[in-house]
Amino acid sequence: MDFEGAVCVVTGAASGIGLASAKAFVDAGATVVGSDIARERLEAAAGEAGFTPVIADVGSEDGNRRLVDEVWDSVGPIDLFYANAGVALGLGDEATAADWDISWRVNAMSRVWAAAALVPRWRERGSGYFVSTASAAGLLMEPRSAPYTLSKHADVAHAEWLAVNHGDVVGVSVVCPEWVQTPLFQGFDDAVDGTADLSDDGVLQPEDIAAAVVTAVREGTFLITPHDQVRGYETGKVKDREWWIAAMRRSVYGR
C-alpha cells in the first residue's frame, strides 16, 4: 500500500506507538486521524504530529462504529485503520473482573468491532488495510498478566483470521514487539517491582515500531516482529512446548 494521499486512522494516538505511527504516516504523505480517550493529551499530540484528533472510546462496539462513520463521512473513505490502543492490567494472580473486562474489550474486541465496521466497505471498494498492535505476548506469553496474555493471543488470532478470510481484498499486518519505551512499558516495569528484567532483548523506541509498520504496510507483510528474537522464541515454543514452559519458569521465576 502507498501512504501518499491515503486516509489513515490510528487509535491510541495520544502517546507511544500510536503517536509515533501517526507522525510517520503524516510524514509518508497520508491524511491521518488519530483517536484516543484522553482529550488533552490527544489534542497536544495532534498539534505535534500534524494529524486530526477525534475522541473515541474503542473499548465499545459503538465507539468503534462511531469512529469509522465519523472519519468516513467527514474526511473520506478510510484506506488504513491501525488498531493500536491497548492496556496492560491484571498483574500476578490479582486480576479482577474489571481487569479482564477492559483487557478483553480494548486489546481484543476493539479489533473485531473495527473490522466489522470496515470490511464490508472495503470489500465494496475493493481495497483496505488493517493493522493491529498485538505483542510478542500474543505469540508467546506475558507470565505476569493472564488478561494481557489471553487478549493479545486473541488479537493475533483475529488478524490471522482476517488475513485468511479477507486477504484477497484487505491487507493485514499484526505488530508483535517485546518491550517498547511507552507509558504502558513504564507502568508495567514499575508494577513488577524488580521481579524480572523486562528488557533482556532491548527496549525499542516507539519510532522504531512506527518505521517497521510503514515498511511492512508498503510491502504487505503480515507479521511484524521488531525484536528479531521473537520469531526464534516462537519456533522453539512450537517445536517443544514442554521445554518452552520449563524455560519460561526458570527465566522468569528461577524455578
Protein backbone atom coordinates (compact mmCIF):
# COMPACT_ATOMS: atom_id res chain seq x y z
CA MET A 1 0.00 0.00 0.00
CA ASP A 2 1.13 3.54 -0.78
CA PHE A 3 0.64 6.10 2.00
CA GLU A 4 0.66 9.11 -0.34
CA GLY A 5 -2.86 10.57 -0.26
CA ALA A 6 -4.25 7.72 1.86
CA VAL A 7 -6.68 8.29 4.73
CA CYS A 8 -5.29 6.53 7.82
CA VAL A 9 -6.82 6.15 11.27
CA VAL A 10 -4.67 5.39 14.32
CA THR A 11 -6.17 4.52 17.71
CA GLY A 12 -4.32 5.17 20.95
CA ALA A 13 -2.67 8.11 19.19
CA ALA A 14 -2.10 10.33 22.22
CA SER A 15 1.24 8.75 23.08
CA GLY A 16 3.69 5.92 22.45
CA ILE A 17 3.42 3.75 19.35
CA GLY A 18 0.19 5.41 18.26
CA LEU A 19 1.65 8.92 18.28
CA ALA A 20 4.87 7.82 16.57
CA SER A 21 2.91 5.93 13.90
CA ALA A 22 0.53 8.79 13.26
CA LYS A 23 3.50 11.09 12.73
CA ALA A 24 5.21 8.54 10.46
CA PHE A 25 2.07 8.22 8.36
CA VAL A 26 1.81 12.01 8.05
CA ASP A 27 5.46 12.18 7.02
CA ALA A 28 4.76 9.48 4.40
CA GLY A 29 2.09 11.67 2.81
CA ALA A 30 -1.11 10.34 4.40
CA THR A 31 -4.09 12.22 5.77
CA VAL A 32 -4.18 10.96 9.35
CA VAL A 33 -6.89 10.87 12.00
CA GLY A 34 -5.71 9.96 15.49
CA SER A 35 -8.12 8.84 18.18
CA ASP A 36 -7.88 8.38 21.94
CA ILE A 37 -10.00 8.86 25.04
CA ALA A 38 -7.57 11.36 26.62
CA ARG A 39 -8.69 14.64 25.09
CA GLU A 40 -5.94 16.98 26.30
CA ARG A 41 -3.11 14.60 25.50
CA LEU A 42 -4.62 13.75 22.12
CA GLU A 43 -5.01 17.39 21.12
CA ALA A 44 -1.43 18.13 22.18
CA ALA A 45 -0.20 15.09 20.21
CA ALA A 46 -2.21 16.14 17.16
CA GLY A 47 -0.55 19.55 17.21
CA GLU A 48 2.87 17.91 17.49
CA ALA A 49 2.37 15.28 14.77
CA GLY A 50 0.03 17.07 12.36
CA PHE A 51 -3.00 14.77 12.46
CA THR A 52 -6.70 15.40 13.05
CA PRO A 53 -7.81 14.41 16.57
CA VAL A 54 -11.06 12.53 17.19
CA ILE A 55 -12.08 11.48 20.70
CA ALA A 56 -13.24 7.86 20.68
CA ASP A 57 -13.63 5.02 23.16
CA VAL A 58 -12.63 1.93 21.20
CA GLY A 59 -13.42 -0.24 24.20
CA SER A 60 -17.01 -0.41 22.98
CA GLU A 61 -18.67 -1.53 19.77
CA ASP A 62 -20.47 1.78 19.44
CA GLY A 63 -17.24 3.72 19.92
CA ASN A 64 -15.57 1.90 17.04
CA ARG A 65 -18.57 2.25 14.76
CA ARG A 66 -18.86 5.97 15.51
CA LEU A 67 -15.15 6.49 14.83
CA VAL A 68 -15.32 4.73 11.47
CA ASP A 69 -18.53 6.54 10.49
CA GLU A 70 -17.21 9.97 11.51
CA VAL A 71 -13.95 9.65 9.60
CA TRP A 72 -15.58 8.09 6.54
CA ASP A 73 -18.22 10.83 6.36
CA SER A 74 -16.10 13.88 7.27
CA VAL A 75 -12.60 13.06 5.99
CA GLY A 76 -13.14 10.39 3.36
CA PRO A 77 -13.06 6.63 2.83
CA ILE A 78 -10.57 5.01 5.20
CA ASP A 79 -7.67 3.34 3.41
CA LEU A 80 -5.86 2.09 6.52
CA PHE A 81 -7.05 1.51 10.06
CA TYR A 82 -4.38 0.97 12.73
CA ALA A 83 -5.93 -0.61 15.84
CA ASN A 84 -3.16 0.30 18.23
CA ALA A 85 -4.91 1.17 21.51
CA GLY A 86 -4.14 -1.29 24.30
CA VAL A 87 -3.96 -1.80 28.06
CA ALA A 88 -1.82 -3.94 30.38
CA LEU A 89 -3.71 -4.85 33.54
CA GLY A 90 -4.15 -7.74 35.96
CA LEU A 91 -0.63 -8.44 37.22
CA GLY A 92 0.12 -11.63 39.11
CA ASP A 93 -2.84 -13.55 40.49
CA GLU A 94 -4.69 -10.39 41.45
CA ALA A 95 -6.54 -9.80 38.17
CA THR A 96 -10.04 -8.53 38.88
CA ALA A 97 -13.17 -8.93 36.82
CA ALA A 98 -12.71 -5.30 35.76
CA ASP A 99 -9.14 -6.04 34.60
CA TRP A 100 -10.39 -8.93 32.48
CA ASP A 101 -13.27 -6.90 31.08
CA ILE A 102 -11.30 -3.89 29.90
CA SER A 103 -8.38 -6.02 28.67
CA TRP A 104 -10.73 -8.08 26.54
CA ARG A 105 -12.65 -5.09 25.21
CA VAL A 106 -9.64 -2.90 24.35
CA ASN A 107 -6.99 -5.45 23.36
CA ALA A 108 -9.21 -7.92 21.51
CA MET A 109 -12.77 -6.87 20.81
CA SER A 110 -11.85 -3.37 19.62
CA ARG A 111 -10.16 -5.09 16.66
CA VAL A 112 -13.21 -7.24 15.98
CA TRP A 113 -15.58 -4.28 16.16
CA ALA A 114 -13.44 -2.03 13.97
CA ALA A 115 -13.01 -4.73 11.33
CA ALA A 116 -16.73 -5.47 11.34
CA ALA A 117 -17.42 -1.83 10.54
CA LEU A 118 -14.70 -1.60 7.88
CA VAL A 119 -14.52 -4.88 5.97
CA PRO A 120 -17.91 -4.62 4.19
CA ARG A 121 -16.99 -1.13 2.97
CA TRP A 122 -13.53 -2.27 1.90
CA ARG A 123 -14.91 -5.23 0.02
CA GLU A 124 -17.28 -2.90 -1.78
CA ARG A 125 -14.41 -0.51 -2.62
CA GLY A 126 -12.04 -3.34 -3.49
CA SER A 127 -9.24 -2.40 -1.08
CA GLY A 128 -8.34 -1.57 2.51
CA TYR A 129 -5.62 -2.22 5.08
CA PHE A 130 -5.95 -3.29 8.72
CA VAL A 131 -3.03 -3.10 11.16
CA SER A 132 -3.11 -4.16 14.80
CA THR A 133 -0.62 -3.72 17.63
CA ALA A 134 -0.59 -7.04 19.42
CA SER A 135 2.58 -8.03 21.29
CA ALA A 136 5.21 -10.72 21.49
CA ALA A 137 2.93 -11.90 24.30
CA GLY A 138 0.37 -12.71 21.61
CA LEU A 139 2.79 -15.26 20.16
CA LEU A 140 4.47 -16.29 23.43
CA MET A 141 3.04 -15.04 26.73
CA GLU A 142 3.36 -12.45 29.47
CA PRO A 143 3.62 -14.59 32.63
CA ARG A 144 2.85 -11.68 34.93
CA SER A 145 -0.57 -10.99 33.38
CA ALA A 146 -3.15 -13.53 32.29
CA PRO A 147 -5.55 -10.86 30.89
CA TYR A 148 -2.78 -9.37 28.77
CA THR A 149 -1.60 -12.77 27.50
CA LEU A 150 -5.06 -14.04 26.55
CA SER A 151 -6.27 -10.81 24.97
CA LYS A 152 -3.10 -10.40 22.91
CA HIS A 153 -3.31 -14.01 21.71
CA ALA A 154 -6.85 -13.21 20.59
CA ASP A 155 -5.58 -10.13 18.77
CA VAL A 156 -3.07 -12.20 16.78
CA ALA A 157 -5.69 -14.89 16.07
CA HIS A 158 -8.13 -12.28 14.79
CA ALA A 159 -5.51 -10.82 12.46
CA GLU A 160 -4.79 -14.30 11.11
CA TRP A 161 -8.49 -14.95 10.61
CA LEU A 162 -8.92 -11.62 8.83
CA ALA A 163 -5.95 -12.29 6.53
CA VAL A 164 -7.25 -15.75 5.61
CA ASN A 165 -10.87 -14.81 5.02
CA HIS A 166 -10.48 -11.33 3.51
CA GLY A 167 -6.88 -11.20 2.35
CA ASP A 168 -7.99 -11.16 -1.27
CA VAL A 169 -9.11 -7.57 -0.72
CA VAL A 170 -7.85 -6.43 2.70
CA GLY A 171 -4.18 -6.13 3.57
CA VAL A 172 -3.46 -7.22 7.16
CA SER A 173 -0.43 -6.69 9.40
CA VAL A 174 -0.04 -7.52 13.08
CA VAL A 175 2.73 -5.97 15.18
CA CYS A 176 4.35 -8.17 17.85
CA PRO A 177 7.16 -6.31 19.65
CA GLU A 178 8.61 -7.07 23.04
CA TRP A 179 9.27 -4.02 25.20
CA VAL A 180 8.86 -0.53 23.80
CA GLN A 181 9.55 2.68 25.72
CA THR A 182 5.95 3.82 26.19
CA PRO A 183 3.78 4.77 29.19
CA LEU A 184 2.46 1.19 29.15
CA PHE A 185 6.00 -0.20 29.49
CA GLN A 186 6.87 2.21 32.30
CA GLY A 187 3.77 1.25 34.25
CA PHE A 188 4.46 -2.45 33.81
CA ASP A 189 8.15 -2.08 34.74
CA ASP A 190 7.24 -0.22 37.93
CA ALA A 191 4.50 -2.71 38.86
CA VAL A 192 6.64 -5.85 38.74
CA ASP A 193 8.98 -4.24 41.29
CA GLY A 194 12.18 -5.84 40.04
CA THR A 195 10.96 -9.45 39.96
CA ALA A 196 12.46 -9.87 36.48
CA ASP A 197 14.43 -7.96 33.89
CA LEU A 198 11.86 -6.82 31.37
CA SER A 199 14.46 -5.60 28.90
CA ASP A 200 16.75 -8.59 28.27
CA ASP A 201 16.22 -8.25 24.49
CA GLY A 202 16.34 -4.48 24.47
CA VAL A 203 13.73 -1.76 24.80
CA LEU A 204 12.88 -0.16 21.46
CA GLN A 205 11.55 3.34 20.91
CA PRO A 206 8.05 3.99 19.51
CA GLU A 207 9.66 5.43 16.39
CA ASP A 208 11.31 2.06 15.75
CA ILE A 209 7.91 0.38 15.72
CA ALA A 210 6.39 3.08 13.53
CA ALA A 211 9.17 2.68 10.96
CA ALA A 212 8.66 -1.09 10.93
CA VAL A 213 4.92 -0.63 10.39
CA VAL A 214 5.42 1.77 7.48
CA THR A 215 7.81 -0.67 5.80
CA ALA A 216 5.54 -3.67 6.40
CA VAL A 217 2.44 -1.92 5.04
CA ARG A 218 4.30 -0.83 1.93
CA GLU A 219 5.47 -4.41 1.38
CA GLY A 220 2.26 -6.13 2.51
CA THR A 221 3.99 -8.09 5.29
CA PHE A 222 1.67 -9.84 7.75
CA LEU A 223 3.81 -10.47 10.85
CA ILE A 224 5.90 -7.56 12.15
CA THR A 225 8.48 -8.53 14.81
CA PRO A 226 10.68 -5.50 15.54
CA HIS A 227 12.63 -7.59 18.08
CA ASP A 228 14.33 -10.20 15.89
CA GLN A 229 14.50 -12.73 18.73
CA VAL A 230 10.73 -13.18 18.87
CA ARG A 231 10.48 -15.44 15.82
CA GLY A 232 13.12 -17.75 17.25
CA TYR A 233 11.30 -17.92 20.56
CA GLU A 234 8.05 -18.80 18.80
CA THR A 235 9.79 -21.51 16.79
CA GLY A 236 11.16 -23.03 19.99
CA LYS A 237 7.75 -22.89 21.63
CA VAL A 238 6.01 -24.67 18.77
CA LYS A 239 8.77 -27.27 18.43
CA ASP A 240 8.75 -28.32 22.10
CA ARG A 241 6.16 -26.80 24.42
CA GLU A 242 7.30 -28.81 27.45
CA TRP A 243 10.81 -27.39 27.05
CA TRP A 244 9.45 -23.88 26.46
CA ILE A 245 7.25 -23.88 29.58
CA ALA A 246 10.16 -25.14 31.72
CA ALA A 247 12.44 -22.49 30.22
CA MET A 248 9.90 -19.77 30.92
CA ARG A 249 9.59 -20.85 34.54
CA ARG A 250 13.36 -20.73 35.00
CA SER A 251 13.88 -17.41 33.24
CA VAL A 252 11.05 -15.60 34.97
CA TYR A 253 10.80 -17.16 38.39
CA GLY A 254 14.03 -19.14 38.77
CA ARG A 255 12.28 -22.48 39.23
